[in-house]
Structure formats: structure tokens, C-alpha cells
């Protein structure tokens, strides 16, 4: 009787190792590739803005589509921090940054911050939850750059 139970357990373990493990590894590899592609899109966009000092509607649309075209649905927020230099009364200056809604034209010294956050879980994350009860973290990136 114990021979039969051992064979059933062995077949179950073979199924896990030959079918489920490669499926999970492949989907996680795809998920990591998606994260890297979104991060590259963010870096390229910030580099364009820091070099040119302006964002057109076409650039913004291309960036939104570029981030969402890698297989994950994301929410993108672009923030502008305006550099304000004030005198402190003792002969020196104090630099502060104020958040602004106007993101079309930028001044030298302004800071652009781009936040990308995943709206839903990817298929790899859902698969990991279904089999392992473990959720890898969603995409949540924040990058910033200063206008030159």
C-alpha cells in the first residue's frame, strides 16, 4: 500500500517540477523584462526633458504609450518642482522647490519627477499568488532629474 502512495507523491512532484516550475520561472522572467523596459522608458523621457527643457503633448503621449506597451498597465504622473531662490537676510541665499502644475516649459534648475505605478498585477504575479501564496511587488518607480 505504501508503494502506491509513494508513486502518487512522486508523480505529483514530477508534475510540479516539470510543468509548474518552468511556467512560473518563465512568467517571472517576462515580468522582470517588463519592469526593465518601463524603467528604460522613464530614463529616456527624463533625459529628453532635461536636455531640451520642454515637454510637448506628442512627447507626453509617446511616453504614456511607451510605458503601457510593455504588457503592464501603469499610471504615470509627471511632477515639476520649480526652483525658487530667496535671500535669507544674512547675505546668502536659500534654494527651495515648489510643486507646479505647469509642465510644458521648464527653467534651468527645475526638477522633473516621474512616477510610474502599476494599476493591476501582472500574470506572473497572479500565477505566483495562485501556486505559492506570494505576491512579488508591483511596479512602483520614481525617477527624477534636474533641467540643465
Protein backbone atom coordinates (compact mmCIF):
# COMPACT_ATOMS: atom_id res chain seq x y z
CA UNK A 1 0.00 0.00 0.00
CA UNK A 2 2.80 2.44 0.85
CA UNK A 3 4.37 1.76 -2.55
CA UNK A 4 1.25 3.07 -4.27
CA UNK A 5 1.17 6.24 -2.12
CA UNK A 6 4.85 6.88 -2.82
CA UNK A 7 4.23 6.59 -6.57
CA UNK A 8 1.35 9.08 -6.36
CA UNK A 9 3.51 11.54 -4.38
CA UNK A 10 6.35 11.02 -6.86
CA UNK A 11 4.10 11.73 -9.85
CA UNK A 12 2.77 14.84 -8.14
CA UNK A 13 6.31 16.12 -7.50
CA UNK A 14 7.34 15.37 -11.10
CA UNK A 15 4.35 17.35 -12.34
CA UNK A 16 5.32 20.30 -10.14
CA UNK A 17 8.96 20.22 -11.21
CA UNK A 18 8.39 19.63 -14.91
CA UNK A 19 5.31 21.78 -15.54
CA UNK A 20 4.68 24.39 -12.86
CA UNK A 21 8.24 25.43 -12.03
CA UNK A 22 9.21 26.30 -15.64
CA UNK A 23 5.88 28.11 -16.10
CA UNK A 24 6.47 30.27 -13.02
CA UNK A 25 10.12 30.92 -13.91
CA UNK A 26 9.22 31.93 -17.47
CA UNK A 27 6.44 34.27 -16.37
CA UNK A 28 8.65 35.90 -13.72
CA UNK A 29 11.39 36.41 -16.31
CA UNK A 30 8.86 38.13 -18.57
CA UNK A 31 7.69 40.27 -15.65
CA UNK A 32 11.24 41.38 -14.88
CA UNK A 33 11.79 42.24 -18.55
CA UNK A 34 8.63 44.38 -18.48
CA UNK A 35 9.87 46.22 -15.39
CA UNK A 36 13.22 46.91 -17.01
CA UNK A 37 11.59 48.17 -20.21
CA UNK A 38 9.36 50.59 -18.26
CA UNK A 39 12.40 51.82 -16.33
CA UNK A 40 14.24 52.42 -19.63
CA UNK A 41 11.26 54.40 -20.97
CA UNK A 42 11.33 56.58 -17.86
CA UNK A 43 15.06 57.18 -18.11
CA UNK A 44 14.85 58.12 -21.80
CA UNK A 45 11.96 60.52 -21.16
CA UNK A 46 13.74 62.25 -18.28
CA UNK A 47 16.88 62.58 -20.41
CA UNK A 48 14.88 64.23 -23.23
CA UNK A 49 13.26 66.72 -20.85
CA UNK A 50 16.47 67.59 -19.02
CA UNK A 51 18.24 68.22 -22.35
CA UNK A 52 15.53 70.23 -24.12
CA UNK A 53 13.74 71.92 -21.20
CA UNK A 54 10.23 71.36 -22.58
CA UNK A 55 7.58 68.67 -22.99
CA UNK A 56 5.26 68.61 -25.97
CA UNK A 57 1.93 66.83 -25.99
CA UNK A 58 3.32 64.35 -28.52
CA UNK A 59 6.26 63.51 -26.24
CA UNK A 60 3.94 63.02 -23.29
CA UNK A 61 1.62 60.79 -25.29
CA UNK A 62 4.53 58.74 -26.61
CA UNK A 63 5.81 58.32 -23.08
CA UNK A 64 2.41 57.20 -21.76
CA UNK A 65 2.01 54.72 -24.61
CA UNK A 66 5.59 53.54 -24.30
CA UNK A 67 5.16 52.72 -20.62
CA UNK A 68 1.89 50.88 -21.18
CA UNK A 69 3.05 48.99 -24.28
CA UNK A 70 5.27 46.56 -22.38
CA UNK A 71 2.48 44.36 -21.08
CA UNK A 72 1.62 46.05 -17.81
CA UNK A 73 -1.00 48.74 -17.23
CA UNK A 74 0.56 51.67 -15.41
CA UNK A 75 -0.44 55.04 -14.02
CA UNK A 76 2.07 57.76 -14.93
CA UNK A 77 2.47 61.06 -13.08
CA UNK A 78 4.84 63.83 -14.12
CA UNK A 79 5.68 66.43 -11.48
CA UNK A 80 7.55 69.70 -11.85
CA UNK A 81 9.37 71.31 -8.97
CA UNK A 82 10.21 74.95 -9.68
CA UNK A 83 13.45 76.22 -8.23
CA UNK A 84 12.97 79.33 -6.10
CA UNK A 85 15.99 81.21 -4.73
CA UNK A 86 15.34 83.56 -1.80
CA UNK A 87 17.60 85.76 0.28
CA UNK A 88 17.86 84.70 3.89
CA UNK A 89 18.70 88.22 5.11
CA UNK A 90 22.24 87.39 6.15
CA UNK A 91 23.72 87.92 2.71
CA UNK A 92 23.32 84.36 1.42
CA UNK A 93 20.52 82.61 -0.41
CA UNK A 94 18.18 79.70 0.30
CA UNK A 95 17.01 77.44 -2.52
CA UNK A 96 13.59 75.82 -2.23
CA UNK A 97 11.49 73.83 -4.67
CA UNK A 98 7.78 74.37 -5.20
CA UNK A 99 5.48 71.85 -6.89
CA UNK A 100 3.82 73.24 -10.03
CA UNK A 101 1.08 72.01 -12.35
CA UNK A 102 2.52 73.65 -15.49
CA UNK A 103 4.77 71.05 -17.10
CA UNK A 104 5.11 72.36 -20.65
CA UNK A 105 8.15 74.64 -20.34
CA UNK A 106 10.92 74.21 -17.83
CA UNK A 107 13.58 76.54 -16.43
CA UNK A 108 17.17 75.71 -15.69
CA UNK A 109 17.41 74.18 -12.22
CA UNK A 110 13.85 72.84 -12.14
CA UNK A 111 13.36 69.23 -11.15
CA UNK A 112 11.26 66.73 -13.07
CA UNK A 113 9.95 63.74 -11.14
CA UNK A 114 8.26 60.86 -12.94
CA UNK A 115 6.25 58.28 -11.03
CA UNK A 116 5.09 55.06 -12.65
CA UNK A 117 2.83 52.74 -10.67
CA UNK A 118 1.20 49.53 -11.84
CA UNK A 119 -2.58 49.50 -11.71
CA UNK A 120 -3.08 45.74 -11.70
CA UNK A 121 -0.99 42.67 -11.03
CA UNK A 122 0.79 41.02 -13.95
CA UNK A 123 0.07 37.44 -14.96
CA UNK A 124 3.32 36.31 -13.32
CA UNK A 125 2.29 37.86 -10.03
CA UNK A 126 -1.14 36.25 -10.21
CA UNK A 127 0.45 32.89 -11.01
CA UNK A 128 2.82 33.22 -8.07
CA UNK A 129 -0.12 34.00 -5.79
CA UNK A 130 -2.16 31.09 -7.06
CA UNK A 131 0.56 28.49 -6.52
CA UNK A 132 2.75 29.94 -3.76
CA UNK A 133 0.52 32.47 -1.98
CA UNK A 134 3.24 35.05 -2.55
CA UNK A 135 2.89 38.37 -4.42
CA UNK A 136 6.04 39.94 -5.83
CA UNK A 137 5.79 43.74 -5.54
CA UNK A 138 4.01 45.74 -8.22
CA UNK A 139 5.85 48.18 -10.43
CA UNK A 140 6.35 51.39 -8.46
CA UNK A 141 9.19 53.53 -9.80
CA UNK A 142 10.12 57.14 -9.11
CA UNK A 143 12.91 58.85 -11.04
CA UNK A 144 13.93 62.49 -11.02
CA UNK A 145 16.27 64.75 -12.97
CA UNK A 146 17.35 68.37 -12.92
CA UNK A 147 16.94 70.57 -16.01
CA UNK A 148 20.29 71.66 -17.42
